[in-house]
Amino acid sequence: MAVTDFLAASDIALAINACKAKDSFSPNMFLKTVGLSKKNPTEIKRIFTILDQDKSGFIEQDELQLFLQNFSKGARPLTATETRGFLLQGDSDGDGKIGLEEFSALVKS
């Protein structure tokens, strides 16, 4: 299963290109640009499963750093600042990781 099974390659390319520069990544803008905010809960869960690389049920900081690479193999890793910002924005319960409900809320925000 790949993100391109659920999202248009052209939307992914547009989103990746919009955050090529270091410290230019915005989680909300990226998720909106790739079209994830228009997806139903089942599709959002499938994307979450892809992003949860270690299958822990959470997206942790190390997985967030490689977030863009899940969408495009040649994409850059997120900077430490971007990763921390992403985690702060998505981690509503403060446990240091993003669960499915938190991810879904972030996608829909």
PDB file of N, CA and C in Angstrom:
ATOM      1  N   MET A   1       0.853  -1.175   0.000  1.00  0.00           N
ATOM      2  CA  MET A   1       0.000   0.000   0.000  1.00  0.00           C
ATOM      3  C   MET A   1       0.904   1.244   0.000  1.00  0.00           C
ATOM      4  N   ALA A   2       0.577   2.201  -0.851  1.00  0.00           N
ATOM      5  CA  ALA A   2       1.342   3.441  -0.970  1.00  0.00           C
ATOM      6  C   ALA A   2       0.394   4.634  -0.912  1.00  0.00           C
ATOM      7  N   VAL A   3       0.910   5.795  -0.547  1.00  0.00           N
ATOM      8  CA  VAL A   3       0.062   6.979  -0.467  1.00  0.00           C
ATOM      9  C   VAL A   3      -0.538   7.327  -1.827  1.00  0.00           C
ATOM     10  N   THR A   4       0.145   6.969  -2.899  1.00  0.00           N
ATOM     11  CA  THR A   4      -0.385   7.260  -4.234  1.00  0.00           C
ATOM     12  C   THR A   4      -1.600   6.393  -4.575  1.00  0.00           C
ATOM     13  N   ASP A   5      -1.885   5.399  -3.751  1.00  0.00           N
ATOM     14  CA  ASP A   5      -3.118   4.621  -3.911  1.00  0.00           C
ATOM     15  C   ASP A   5      -4.329   5.460  -3.489  1.00  0.00           C
ATOM     16  N   PHE A   6      -4.092   6.520  -2.696  1.00  0.00           N
ATOM     17  CA  PHE A   6      -5.175   7.326  -2.147  1.00  0.00           C
ATOM     18  C   PHE A   6      -5.122   8.798  -2.558  1.00  0.00           C
ATOM     19  N   LEU A   7      -3.940   9.253  -2.953  1.00  0.00           N
ATOM     20  CA  LEU A   7      -3.737  10.666  -3.270  1.00  0.00           C
ATOM     21  C   LEU A   7      -3.163  10.816  -4.677  1.00  0.00           C
ATOM     22  N   ALA A   8      -3.521  11.881  -5.352  1.00  0.00           N
ATOM     23  CA  ALA A   8      -3.049  12.122  -6.721  1.00  0.00           C
ATOM     24  C   ALA A   8      -1.566  12.490  -6.721  1.00  0.00           C
ATOM     25  N   ALA A   9      -0.812  11.879  -7.615  1.00  0.00           N
ATOM     26  CA  ALA A   9       0.622  12.153  -7.734  1.00  0.00           C
ATOM     27  C   ALA A   9       0.884  13.632  -8.012  1.00  0.00           C
ATOM     28  N   SER A  10       0.017  14.267  -8.782  1.00  0.00           N
ATOM     29  CA  SER A  10       0.211  15.695  -9.090  1.00  0.00           C
ATOM     30  C   SER A  10       0.045  16.557  -7.841  1.00  0.00           C
ATOM     31  N   ASP A  11      -0.903  16.206  -6.967  1.00  0.00           N
ATOM     32  CA  ASP A  11      -1.088  16.949  -5.713  1.00  0.00           C
ATOM     33  C   ASP A  11       0.108  16.742  -4.781  1.00  0.00           C
ATOM     34  N   ILE A  12       0.618  15.528  -4.746  1.00  0.00           N
ATOM     35  CA  ILE A  12       1.793  15.228  -3.919  1.00  0.00           C
ATOM     36  C   ILE A  12       2.987  16.038  -4.407  1.00  0.00           C
ATOM     37  N   ALA A  13       3.206  16.056  -5.721  1.00  0.00           N
ATOM     38  CA  ALA A  13       4.337  16.811  -6.281  1.00  0.00           C
ATOM     39  C   ALA A  13       4.220  18.296  -5.954  1.00  0.00           C
ATOM     40  N   LEU A  14       3.029  18.829  -6.055  1.00  0.00           N
ATOM     41  CA  LEU A  14       2.793  20.238  -5.738  1.00  0.00           C
ATOM     42  C   LEU A  14       3.122  20.531  -4.271  1.00  0.00           C
ATOM     43  N   ALA A  15       2.682  19.656  -3.389  1.00  0.00           N
ATOM     44  CA  ALA A  15       2.920  19.844  -1.950  1.00  0.00           C
ATOM     45  C   ALA A  15       4.408  19.715  -1.607  1.00  0.00           C
ATOM     46  N   ILE A  16       5.082  18.747  -2.204  1.00  0.00           N
ATOM     47  CA  ILE A  16       6.519  18.554  -1.962  1.00  0.00           C
ATOM     48  C   ILE A  16       7.304  19.770  -2.463  1.00  0.00           C
ATOM     49  N   ASN A  17       6.960  20.255  -3.637  1.00  0.00           N
ATOM     50  CA  ASN A  17       7.655  21.417  -4.197  1.00  0.00           C
ATOM     51  C   ASN A  17       7.448  22.669  -3.361  1.00  0.00           C
ATOM     52  N   ALA A  18       6.291  22.780  -2.710  1.00  0.00           N
ATOM     53  CA  ALA A  18       5.981  23.959  -1.902  1.00  0.00           C
ATOM     54  C   ALA A  18       6.815  24.031  -0.619  1.00  0.00           C
ATOM     55  N   CYS A  19       7.413  22.913  -0.236  1.00  0.00           N
ATOM     56  CA  CYS A  19       8.201  22.924   1.007  1.00  0.00           C
ATOM     57  C   CYS A  19       9.616  22.385   0.789  1.00  0.00           C
ATOM     58  N   LYS A  20      10.182  22.671  -0.375  1.00  0.00           N
ATOM     59  CA  LYS A  20      11.551  22.233  -0.658  1.00  0.00           C
ATOM     60  C   LYS A  20      12.584  22.931   0.217  1.00  0.00           C
ATOM     61  N   ALA A  21      12.359  24.199   0.502  1.00  0.00           N
ATOM     62  CA  ALA A  21      13.311  24.948   1.321  1.00  0.00           C
ATOM     63  C   ALA A  21      13.220  24.497   2.778  1.00  0.00           C
ATOM     64  N   LYS A  22      14.361  24.435   3.436  1.00  0.00           N
ATOM     65  CA  LYS A  22      14.371  24.062   4.852  1.00  0.00           C
ATOM     66  C   LYS A  22      13.505  25.036   5.661  1.00  0.00           C
ATOM     67  N   ASP A  23      12.823  24.501   6.632  1.00  0.00           N
ATOM     68  CA  ASP A  23      11.958  25.253   7.546  1.00  0.00           C
ATOM     69  C   ASP A  23      10.780  25.930   6.847  1.00  0.00           C
ATOM     70  N   SER A  24      10.367  25.382   5.702  1.00  0.00           N
ATOM     71  CA  SER A  24       9.201  25.921   4.989  1.00  0.00           C
ATOM     72  C   SER A  24       7.981  25.011   5.083  1.00  0.00           C
ATOM     73  N   PHE A  25       8.115  23.877   5.784  1.00  0.00           N
ATOM     74  CA  PHE A  25       7.028  22.905   5.890  1.00  0.00           C
ATOM     75  C   PHE A  25       5.950  23.368   6.864  1.00  0.00           C
ATOM     76  N   SER A  26       4.707  23.316   6.420  1.00  0.00           N
ATOM     77  CA  SER A  26       3.544  23.595   7.260  1.00  0.00           C
ATOM     78  C   SER A  26       2.639  22.372   7.197  1.00  0.00           C
ATOM     79  N   PRO A  27       2.437  21.677   8.317  1.00  0.00           N
ATOM     80  CA  PRO A  27       1.605  20.471   8.283  1.00  0.00           C
ATOM     81  C   PRO A  27       0.219  20.713   7.678  1.00  0.00           C
ATOM     82  N   ASN A  28      -0.449  21.765   8.106  1.00  0.00           N
ATOM     83  CA  ASN A  28      -1.808  22.011   7.611  1.00  0.00           C
ATOM     84  C   ASN A  28      -1.825  22.267   6.105  1.00  0.00           C
ATOM     85  N   MET A  29      -0.891  23.090   5.637  1.00  0.00           N
ATOM     86  CA  MET A  29      -0.833  23.407   4.217  1.00  0.00           C
ATOM     87  C   MET A  29      -0.505  22.158   3.402  1.00  0.00           C
ATOM     88  N   PHE A  30       0.443  21.368   3.883  1.00  0.00           N
ATOM     89  CA  PHE A  30       0.824  20.150   3.178  1.00  0.00           C
ATOM     90  C   PHE A  30      -0.350  19.184   3.083  1.00  0.00           C
ATOM     91  N   LEU A  31      -1.002  18.927   4.211  1.00  0.00           N
ATOM     92  CA  LEU A  31      -2.117  17.967   4.234  1.00  0.00           C
ATOM     93  C   LEU A  31      -3.262  18.431   3.343  1.00  0.00           C
ATOM     94  N   LYS A  32      -3.489  19.737   3.303  1.00  0.00           N
ATOM     95  CA  LYS A  32      -4.539  20.281   2.439  1.00  0.00           C
ATOM     96  C   LYS A  32      -4.143  20.149   0.964  1.00  0.00           C
ATOM     97  N   THR A  33      -2.888  20.484   0.646  1.00  0.00           N
ATOM     98  CA  THR A  33      -2.425  20.454  -0.743  1.00  0.00           C
ATOM     99  C   THR A  33      -2.444  19.043  -1.323  1.00  0.00           C
ATOM    100  N   VAL A  34      -2.073  18.037  -0.534  1.00  0.00           N
ATOM    101  CA  VAL A  34      -2.087  16.666  -1.050  1.00  0.00           C
ATOM    102  C   VAL A  34      -3.505  16.103  -1.144  1.00  0.00           C
ATOM    103  N   GLY A  35      -4.477  16.826  -0.603  1.00  0.00           N
ATOM    104  CA  GLY A  35      -5.870  16.394  -0.704  1.00  0.00           C
ATOM    105  C   GLY A  35      -6.337  15.491   0.410  1.00  0.00           C
ATOM    106  N   LEU A  36      -5.537  15.345   1.439  1.00  0.00           N
ATOM    107  CA  LEU A  36      -5.896  14.439   2.537  1.00  0.00           C
ATOM    108  C   LEU A  36      -7.104  14.939   3.313  1.00  0.00           C
ATOM    109  N   SER A  37      -7.258  16.257   3.392  1.00  0.00           N
ATOM    110  CA  SER A  37      -8.383  16.811   4.152  1.00  0.00           C
ATOM    111  C   SER A  37      -9.739  16.483   3.524  1.00  0.00           C
ATOM    112  N   LYS A  38      -9.734  16.048   2.268  1.00  0.00           N
ATOM    113  CA  LYS A  38     -10.979  15.685   1.578  1.00  0.00           C
ATOM    114  C   LYS A  38     -11.300  14.192   1.684  1.00  0.00           C
ATOM    115  N   LYS A  39     -10.434  13.446   2.340  1.00  0.00           N
ATOM    116  CA  LYS A  39     -10.600  11.995   2.403  1.00  0.00           C
ATOM    117  C   LYS A  39     -11.502  11.583   3.558  1.00  0.00           C
ATOM    118  N   ASN A  40     -12.080  10.406   3.418  1.00  0.00           N
ATOM    119  CA  ASN A  40     -12.958   9.884   4.466  1.00  0.00           C
ATOM    120  C   ASN A  40     -12.116   9.238   5.575  1.00  0.00           C
ATOM    121  N   PRO A  41     -12.718   8.946   6.724  1.00  0.00           N
ATOM    122  CA  PRO A  41     -11.970   8.384   7.859  1.00  0.00           C
ATOM    123  C   PRO A  41     -11.214   7.093   7.528  1.00  0.00           C
ATOM    124  N   THR A  42     -11.768   6.236   6.703  1.00  0.00           N
ATOM    125  CA  THR A  42     -11.090   4.989   6.338  1.00  0.00           C
ATOM    126  C   THR A  42      -9.817   5.276   5.557  1.00  0.00           C
ATOM    127  N   GLU A  43      -9.890   6.215   4.615  1.00  0.00           N
ATOM    128  CA  GLU A  43      -8.709   6.567   3.824  1.00  0.00           C
ATOM    129  C   GLU A  43      -7.655   7.256   4.687  1.00  0.00           C
ATOM    130  N   ILE A  44      -8.092   8.100   5.611  1.00  0.00           N
ATOM    131  CA  ILE A  44      -7.160   8.768   6.528  1.00  0.00           C
ATOM    132  C   ILE A  44      -6.459   7.724   7.386  1.00  0.00           C
ATOM    133  N   LYS A  45      -7.187   6.714   7.850  1.00  0.00           N
ATOM    134  CA  LYS A  45      -6.581   5.645   8.652  1.00  0.00           C
ATOM    135  C   LYS A  45      -5.551   4.871   7.831  1.00  0.00           C
ATOM    136  N   ARG A  46      -5.830   4.642   6.573  1.00  0.00           N
ATOM    137  CA  ARG A  46      -4.868   3.921   5.726  1.00  0.00           C
ATOM    138  C   ARG A  46      -3.588   4.728   5.535  1.00  0.00           C
ATOM    139  N   ILE A  47      -3.726   6.027   5.345  1.00  0.00           N
ATOM    140  CA  ILE A  47      -2.548   6.895   5.230  1.00  0.00           C
ATOM    141  C   ILE A  47      -1.772   6.877   6.551  1.00  0.00           C
ATOM    142  N   PHE A  48      -2.486   6.978   7.665  1.00  0.00           N
ATOM    143  CA  PHE A  48      -1.847   6.929   8.978  1.00  0.00           C
ATOM    144  C   PHE A  48      -1.035   5.642   9.122  1.00  0.00           C
ATOM    145  N   THR A  49      -1.599   4.527   8.694  1.00  0.00           N
ATOM    146  CA  THR A  49      -0.921   3.237   8.789  1.00  0.00           C
ATOM    147  C   THR A  49       0.385   3.244   8.003  1.00  0.00           C
ATOM    148  N   ILE A  50       0.401   3.905   6.856  1.00  0.00           N
ATOM    149  CA  ILE A  50       1.626   4.011   6.060  1.00  0.00           C
ATOM    150  C   ILE A  50       2.659   4.873   6.803  1.00  0.00           C
ATOM    151  N   LEU A  51       2.213   5.965   7.391  1.00  0.00           N
ATOM    152  CA  LEU A  51       3.118   6.879   8.086  1.00  0.00           C
ATOM    153  C   LEU A  51       3.661   6.283   9.383  1.00  0.00           C
ATOM    154  N   ASP A  52       2.897   5.406  10.008  1.00  0.00           N
ATOM    155  CA  ASP A  52       3.309   4.718  11.234  1.00  0.00           C
ATOM    156  C   ASP A  52       4.213   3.547  10.825  1.00  0.00           C
ATOM    157  N   GLN A  53       5.446   3.873  10.485  1.00  0.00           N
ATOM    158  CA  GLN A  53       6.349   2.891   9.894  1.00  0.00           C
ATOM    159  C   GLN A  53       6.680   1.715  10.811  1.00  0.00           C
ATOM    160  N   ASP A  54       6.730   1.946  12.111  1.00  0.00           N
ATOM    161  CA  ASP A  54       7.058   0.845  13.022  1.00  0.00           C
ATOM    162  C   ASP A  54       5.812   0.113  13.544  1.00  0.00           C
ATOM    163  N   LYS A  55       4.654   0.529  13.044  1.00  0.00           N
ATOM    164  CA  LYS A  55       3.364  -0.110  13.388  1.00  0.00           C
ATOM    165  C   LYS A  55       3.076  -0.104  14.885  1.00  0.00           C
ATOM    166  N   SER A  56       3.483   0.977  15.558  1.00  0.00           N
ATOM    167  CA  SER A  56       3.266   1.109  17.003  1.00  0.00           C
ATOM    168  C   SER A  56       1.876   1.648  17.334  1.00  0.00           C
ATOM    169  N   GLY A  57       1.181   2.157  16.309  1.00  0.00           N
ATOM    170  CA  GLY A  57      -0.104   2.790  16.548  1.00  0.00           C
ATOM    171  C   GLY A  57       0.029   4.290  16.742  1.00  0.00           C
ATOM    172  N   PHE A  58       1.258   4.783  16.605  1.00  0.00           N
ATOM    173  CA  PHE A  58       1.545   6.206  16.763  1.00  0.00           C
ATOM    174  C   PHE A  58       2.580   6.638  15.723  1.00  0.00           C
ATOM    175  N   ILE A  59       2.551   7.923  15.397  1.00  0.00           N
ATOM    176  CA  ILE A  59       3.607   8.504  14.587  1.00  0.00           C
ATOM    177  C   ILE A  59       4.514   9.251  15.555  1.00  0.00           C
ATOM    178  N   GLU A  60       5.725   8.726  15.733  1.00  0.00           N
ATOM    179  CA  GLU A  60       6.668   9.323  16.670  1.00  0.00           C
ATOM    180  C   GLU A  60       7.580  10.317  15.954  1.00  0.00           C
ATOM    181  N   GLN A  61       8.405  10.993  16.749  1.00  0.00           N
ATOM    182  CA  GLN A  61       9.258  12.059  16.235  1.00  0.00           C
ATOM    183  C   GLN A  61      10.160  11.598  15.093  1.00  0.00           C
ATOM    184  N   ASP A  62      10.763  10.416  15.203  1.00  0.00           N
ATOM    185  CA  ASP A  62      11.650   9.953  14.133  1.00  0.00           C
ATOM    186  C   ASP A  62      10.872   9.687  12.839  1.00  0.00           C
ATOM    187  N   GLU A  63       9.627   9.252  12.964  1.00  0.00           N
ATOM    188  CA  GLU A  63       8.789   9.041  11.780  1.00  0.00           C
ATOM    189  C   GLU A  63       8.347  10.382  11.186  1.00  0.00           C
ATOM    190  N   LEU A  64       8.110  11.365  12.040  1.00  0.00           N
ATOM    191  CA  LEU A  64       7.746  12.697  11.540  1.00  0.00           C
ATOM    192  C   LEU A  64       8.889  13.311  10.746  1.00  0.00           C
ATOM    193  N   GLN A  65      10.105  13.079  11.185  1.00  0.00           N
ATOM    194  CA  GLN A  65      11.256  13.646  10.483  1.00  0.00           C
ATOM    195  C   GLN A  65      11.303  13.147   9.037  1.00  0.00           C
ATOM    196  N   LEU A  66      10.866  11.920   8.809  1.00  0.00           N
ATOM    197  CA  LEU A  66      10.877  11.331   7.469  1.00  0.00           C
ATOM    198  C   LEU A  66       9.519  11.437   6.776  1.00  0.00           C
ATOM    199  N   PHE A  67       8.638  12.258   7.323  1.00  0.00           N
ATOM    200  CA  PHE A  67       7.261  12.387   6.840  1.00  0.00           C
ATOM    201  C   PHE A  67       7.174  12.603   5.330  1.00  0.00           C
ATOM    202  N   LEU A  68       7.905  13.571   4.795  1.00  0.00           N
ATOM    203  CA  LEU A  68       7.815  13.896   3.364  1.00  0.00           C
ATOM    204  C   LEU A  68       8.254  12.732   2.484  1.00  0.00           C
ATOM    205  N   GLN A  69       9.195  11.938   2.964  1.00  0.00           N
ATOM    206  CA  GLN A  69       9.706  10.822   2.180  1.00  0.00           C
ATOM    207  C   GLN A  69       8.672   9.707   1.997  1.00  0.00           C
ATOM    208  N   ASN A  70       7.643   9.703   2.821  1.00  0.00           N
ATOM    209  CA  ASN A  70       6.543   8.758   2.628  1.00  0.00           C
ATOM    210  C   ASN A  70       5.719   9.123   1.395  1.00  0.00           C
ATOM    211  N   PHE A  71       5.779  10.384   1.020  1.00  0.00           N
ATOM    212  CA  PHE A  71       5.015  10.878  -0.117  1.00  0.00           C
ATOM    213  C   PHE A  71       5.842  10.901  -1.389  1.00  0.00           C
ATOM    214  N   SER A  72       7.150  11.098  -1.254  1.00  0.00           N
ATOM    215  CA  SER A  72       8.053  11.152  -2.398  1.00  0.00           C
ATOM    216  C   SER A  72       9.441  10.708  -1.942  1.00  0.00           C
ATOM    217  N   LYS A  73       9.955   9.654  -2.534  1.00  0.00           N
ATOM    218  CA  LYS A  73      11.228   9.061  -2.098  1.00  0.00           C
ATOM    219  C   LYS A  73      12.383  10.063  -2.074  1.00  0.00           C
ATOM    220  N   GLY A  74      12.397  11.016  -2.996  1.00  0.00           N
ATOM    221  CA  GLY A  74      13.488  11.972  -3.059  1.00  0.00           C
ATOM    222  C   GLY A  74      13.306  13.207  -2.197  1.00  0.00           C
ATOM    223  N   ALA A  75      12.247  13.242  -1.429  1.00  0.00           N
ATOM    224  CA  ALA A  75      11.962  14.426  -0.596  1.00  0.00           C
ATOM    225  C   ALA A  75      12.971  14.542   0.551  1.00  0.00           C
ATOM    226  N   ARG A  76      13.133  15.749   1.016  1.00  0.00           N
ATOM    227  CA  ARG A  76      14.072  15.999   2.110  1.00  0.00           C
ATOM    228  C   ARG A  76      13.467  15.579   3.452  1.00  0.00           C
ATOM    229  N   PRO A  77      14.311  15.302   4.435  1.00  0.00           N
ATOM    230  CA  PRO A  77      13.787  15.093   5.787  1.00  0.00           C
ATOM    231  C   PRO A  77      13.375  16.440   6.375  1.00  0.00           C
ATOM    232  N   LEU A  78      12.448  16.421   7.298  1.00  0.00           N
ATOM    233  CA  LEU A  78      12.076  17.648   7.999  1.00  0.00           C
ATOM    234  C   LEU A  78      13.218  18.059   8.924  1.00  0.00           C
ATOM    235  N   THR A  79      13.376  19.352   9.108  1.00  0.00           N
ATOM    236  CA  THR A  79      14.380  19.846  10.050  1.00  0.00           C
ATOM    237  C   THR A  79      13.897  19.565  11.476  1.00  0.00           C
ATOM    238  N   ALA A  80      14.799  19.713  12.427  1.00  0.00           N
ATOM    239  CA  ALA A  80      14.429  19.514  13.836  1.00  0.00           C
ATOM    240  C   ALA A  80      13.334  20.493  14.241  1.00  0.00           C
ATOM    241  N   THR A  81      13.427  21.721  13.762  1.00  0.00           N
ATOM    242  CA  THR A  81      12.418  22.741  14.079  1.00  0.00           C
ATOM    243  C   THR A  81      11.066  22.362  13.483  1.00  0.00           C
ATOM    244  N   GLU A  82      11.055  21.911  12.235  1.00  0.00           N
ATOM    245  CA  GLU A  82       9.801  21.503  11.591  1.00  0.00           C
ATOM    246  C   GLU A  82       9.196  20.289  12.286  1.00  0.00           C
ATOM    247  N   THR A  83      10.044  19.340  12.654  1.00  0.00           N
ATOM    248  CA  THR A  83       9.572  18.128  13.317  1.00  0.00           C
ATOM    249  C   THR A  83       8.942  18.461  14.668  1.00  0.00           C
ATOM    250  N   ARG A  84       9.605  19.302  15.449  1.00  0.00           N
ATOM    251  CA  ARG A  84       9.060  19.712  16.757  1.00  0.00           C
ATOM    252  C   ARG A  84       7.740  20.460  16.579  1.00  0.00           C
ATOM    253  N   GLY A  85       7.693  21.356  15.590  1.00  0.00           N
ATOM    254  CA  GLY A  85       6.470  22.114  15.336  1.00  0.00           C
ATOM    255  C   GLY A  85       5.320  21.215  14.929  1.00  0.00           C
ATOM    256  N   PHE A  86       5.614  20.224  14.080  1.00  0.00           N
ATOM    257  CA  PHE A  86       4.614  19.257  13.622  1.00  0.00           C
ATOM    258  C   PHE A  86       4.086  18.481  14.825  1.00  0.00           C
ATOM    259  N   LEU A  87       4.994  18.031  15.674  1.00  0.00           N
ATOM    260  CA  LEU A  87       4.602  17.266  16.857  1.00  0.00           C
ATOM    261  C   LEU A  87       3.758  18.110  17.805  1.00  0.00           C
ATOM    262  N   LEU A  88       4.166  19.342  18.023  1.00  0.00           N
ATOM    263  CA  LEU A  88       3.389  20.229  18.902  1.00  0.00           C
ATOM    264  C   LEU A  88       1.994  20.486  18.345  1.00  0.00           C
ATOM    265  N   GLN A  89       1.893  20.614  17.042  1.00  0.00           N
ATOM    266  CA  GLN A  89       0.596  20.885  16.416  1.00  0.00           C
ATOM    267  C   GLN A  89      -0.317  19.661  16.450  1.00  0.00           C
ATOM    268  N   GLY A  90       0.258  18.474  16.284  1.00  0.00           N
ATOM    269  CA  GLY A  90      -0.558  17.269  16.184  1.00  0.00           C
ATOM    270  C   GLY A  90      -0.785  16.511  17.480  1.00  0.00           C
ATOM    271  N   ASP A  91       0.097  16.688  18.445  1.00  0.00           N
ATOM    272  CA  ASP A  91       0.040  15.920  19.692  1.00  0.00           C
ATOM    273  C   ASP A  91      -0.823  16.641  20.719  1.00  0.00           C
ATOM    274  N   SER A  92      -2.120  16.425  20.654  1.00  0.00           N
ATOM    275  CA  SER A  92      -3.040  17.162  21.526  1.00  0.00           C
ATOM    276  C   SER A  92      -3.032  16.687  22.978  1.00  0.00           C
ATOM    277  N   ASP A  93      -2.607  15.445  23.234  1.00  0.00           N
ATOM    278  CA  ASP A  93      -2.610  14.963  24.623  1.00  0.00           C
ATOM    279  C   ASP A  93      -1.241  15.063  25.294  1.00  0.00           C
ATOM    280  N   GLY A  94      -0.236  15.555  24.564  1.00  0.00           N
ATOM    281  CA  GLY A  94       1.072  15.808  25.157  1.00  0.00           C
ATOM    282  C   GLY A  94       1.916  14.596  25.478  1.00  0.00           C
ATOM    283  N   ASP A  95       1.628  13.440  24.836  1.00  0.00           N
ATOM    284  CA  ASP A  95       2.412  12.237  25.132  1.00  0.00           C
ATOM    285  C   ASP A  95       3.649  12.086  24.245  1.00  0.00           C
ATOM    286  N   GLY A  96       3.911  13.056  23.385  1.00  0.00           N
ATOM    287  CA  GLY A  96       5.115  13.022  22.557  1.00  0.00           C
ATOM    288  C   GLY A  96       4.992  12.231  21.279  1.00  0.00           C
ATOM    289  N   LYS A  97       3.766  11.886  20.898  1.00  0.00           N
ATOM    290  CA  LYS A  97       3.522  11.144  19.664  1.00  0.00           C
ATOM    291  C   LYS A  97       2.122  11.454  19.168  1.00  0.00           C
ATOM    292  N   ILE A  98       1.863  11.132  17.908  1.00  0.00           N
ATOM    293  CA  ILE A  98       0.568  11.433  17.299  1.00  0.00           C
ATOM    294  C   ILE A  98      -0.166  10.126  17.017  1.00  0.00           C
ATOM    295  N   GLY A  99      -1.319   9.964  17.670  1.00  0.00           N
ATOM    296  CA  GLY A  99      -2.149   8.791  17.441  1.00  0.00           C
ATOM    297  C   GLY A  99      -3.114   9.033  16.291  1.00  0.00           C
ATOM    298  N   LEU A 100      -3.872   8.022  15.946  1.00  0.00           N
ATOM    299  CA  LEU A 100      -4.808   8.114  14.821  1.00  0.00           C
ATOM    300  C   LEU A 100      -5.832   9.230  15.023  1.00  0.00           C
ATOM    301  N   GLU A 101      -6.420   9.326  16.204  1.00  0.00           N
ATOM    302  CA  GLU A 101      -7.419  10.378  16.448  1.00  0.00           C
ATOM    303  C   GLU A 101      -6.801  11.767  16.317  1.00  0.00           C
ATOM    304  N   GLU A 102      -5.586  11.917  16.832  1.00  0.00           N
ATOM    305  CA  GLU A 102      -4.901  13.210  16.728  1.00  0.00           C
ATOM    306  C   GLU A 102      -4.573  13.521  15.274  1.00  0.00           C
ATOM    307  N   PHE A 103      -4.114  12.518  14.547  1.00  0.00           N
ATOM    308  CA  PHE A 103      -3.799  12.721  13.129  1.00  0.00           C
ATOM    309  C   PHE A 103      -5.055  13.099  12.349  1.00  0.00           C
ATOM    310  N   SER A 104      -6.134  12.390  12.613  1.00  0.00           N
ATOM    311  CA  SER A 104      -7.404  12.700  11.930  1.00  0.00           C
ATOM    312  C   SER A 104      -7.851  14.124  12.222  1.00  0.00           C
ATOM    313  N   ALA A 105      -7.715  14.549  13.478  1.00  0.00           N
ATOM    314  CA  ALA A 105      -8.087  15.922  13.857  1.00  0.00           C
ATOM    315  C   ALA A 105      -7.201  16.943  13.147  1.00  0.00           C
ATOM    316  N   LEU A 106      -5.915  16.648  13.035  1.00  0.00           N
ATOM    317  CA  LEU A 106      -4.983  17.536  12.341  1.00  0.00           C
ATOM    318  C   LEU A 106      -5.332  17.636  10.870  1.00  0.00           C
ATOM    319  N   VAL A 107      -5.648  16.510  10.260  1.00  0.00           N
ATOM    320  CA  VAL A 107      -6.026  16.484   8.836  1.00  0.00           C
ATOM    321  C   VAL A 107      -7.273  17.325   8.596  1.00  0.00           C
ATOM    322  N   LYS A 108      -8.232  17.261   9.481  1.00  0.00           N
ATOM    323  CA  LYS A 108      -9.497  17.961   9.308  1.00  0.00           C
ATOM    324  C   LYS A 108      -9.454  19.425   9.766  1.00  0.00           C
ATOM    325  N   SER A 109      -8.363  19.832  10.442  1.00  0.00           N
ATOM    326  CA  SER A 109      -8.282  21.212  10.956  1.00  0.00           C
ATOM    327  C   SER A 109      -7.929  22.217   9.864  1.00  0.00           C
TER     328      SER A 109
END
